[in-house]
Protein backbone atom coordinates (compact mmCIF):
# COMPACT_ATOMS: atom_id res chain seq x y z
CA ASN A 1 8.07 -13.85 -10.15
CA ILE A 2 7.89 -13.95 -6.45
CA ARG A 3 8.18 -17.81 -6.35
CA TYR A 4 11.62 -17.46 -8.32
CA ASN A 5 12.69 -14.29 -6.61
CA PRO A 6 11.40 -14.13 -3.25
CA LEU A 7 12.96 -11.05 -2.31
CA GLY A 8 11.00 -9.63 -5.36
CA SER A 9 10.45 -6.13 -6.20
CA ALA A 10 8.27 -3.58 -4.42
CA ARG A 11 6.05 -3.31 -7.51
CA ILE A 12 5.61 -7.01 -8.01
CA TYR A 13 4.50 -7.18 -4.33
CA ASN A 14 2.23 -4.21 -4.64
CA ASN A 15 0.45 -5.77 -7.53
CA LEU A 16 -0.07 -8.96 -5.57
CA ALA A 17 -1.68 -6.83 -2.54
CA MET A 18 -3.82 -5.41 -5.17
CA ALA A 19 -5.22 -8.58 -6.32
CA TYR A 20 -5.62 -9.79 -2.65
CA ASP A 21 -7.66 -6.52 -2.13
CA SER A 22 -9.67 -6.96 -4.95
CA GLN A 23 -10.54 -10.38 -3.81
CA GLY A 24 -11.49 -8.92 -0.70
CA ARG A 25 -8.42 -10.68 1.02
CA VAL A 26 -7.64 -7.52 3.19
CA SER A 27 -5.54 -8.79 5.94
CA GLU A 28 -3.42 -10.41 3.26
CA ALA A 29 -3.20 -7.36 1.24
CA ILE A 30 -2.11 -5.40 4.28
CA MET A 31 0.94 -7.88 4.73
CA THR A 32 1.71 -7.71 1.30
CA TYR A 33 1.84 -4.10 0.94
CA LYS A 34 3.97 -4.09 4.10
CA GLN A 35 6.30 -6.44 2.42
CA ALA A 36 6.69 -4.29 -0.54
CA ILE A 37 7.39 -0.93 1.39
CA SER A 38 10.07 -2.96 3.45
CA ILE A 39 11.73 -3.71 0.04
CA GLN A 40 11.66 -0.41 -1.48
CA ASP A 41 9.96 2.63 0.37
CA THR A 42 10.03 4.97 -2.73
CA TYR A 43 6.32 4.56 -4.09
CA PRO A 44 3.47 6.56 -2.81
CA GLN A 45 1.15 4.38 -4.55
CA THR A 46 1.95 1.47 -2.11
CA HIS A 47 1.14 3.48 0.91
CA HIS A 48 -1.93 4.97 -0.52
CA ASN A 49 -3.07 1.24 -1.10
CA LEU A 50 -2.05 0.23 2.37
CA GLY A 51 -4.07 3.59 3.43
CA ARG A 52 -7.12 2.22 1.70
CA ALA A 53 -6.60 -1.10 2.84
CA TYR A 54 -6.49 0.01 6.51
CA LEU A 55 -9.80 2.26 5.91
CA GLN A 56 -11.74 -1.18 4.75
CA GLN A 57 -10.72 -2.51 8.25
CA ASN A 58 -12.10 0.94 9.51
CA ASN A 59 -8.47 1.52 10.94
CA LYS A 60 -8.69 5.34 10.36
CA ASP A 61 -5.38 6.18 12.10
CA ASP A 62 -3.07 3.81 10.34
CA ALA A 63 -5.09 4.78 7.20
CA VAL A 64 -3.95 8.65 7.57
CA LYS A 65 -0.45 7.88 8.48
CA GLU A 66 -0.20 5.73 5.33
CA PHE A 67 -1.80 8.71 3.10
CA GLU A 68 0.49 11.32 4.51
CA ALA A 69 3.39 8.94 4.01
CA ALA A 70 2.52 8.88 0.44
CA ILE A 71 2.11 12.79 0.20
CA ALA A 72 5.62 12.74 1.87
CA ILE A 73 7.33 10.76 -1.09
CA ASP A 74 5.59 12.73 -3.72
CA PRO A 75 3.82 15.95 -2.57
CA ASN A 76 1.85 15.81 -5.81
CA PHE A 77 0.42 12.43 -5.23
CA TYR A 78 -3.13 13.83 -5.60
CA HIS A 79 -5.01 10.53 -4.72
CA SER A 80 -4.02 10.60 -0.89
CA TYR A 81 -5.01 14.21 -0.49
CA GLY A 82 -8.38 13.51 -1.70
CA MET A 83 -8.61 10.30 0.69
CA LEU A 84 -7.58 12.51 3.45
CA ALA A 85 -10.21 15.23 2.60
């Protein structure tokens, strides 16, 4: 999908980033999560996933910002509350 529509959709980029993350390609995952957010910043899942990727790099400050961004989008997104706790 990305090859034929490089602007793509935020969900497709989020899914690609998750695939990178599952392969241990955290730096690529972070860049791709950011791409997803730049396309459409309405999904708390993308910020949450980006926060988890930052934690893998021991970047706690940016991780906290992303978990808070997820909660700002959806105050009922409890996954990020758990990560902040």
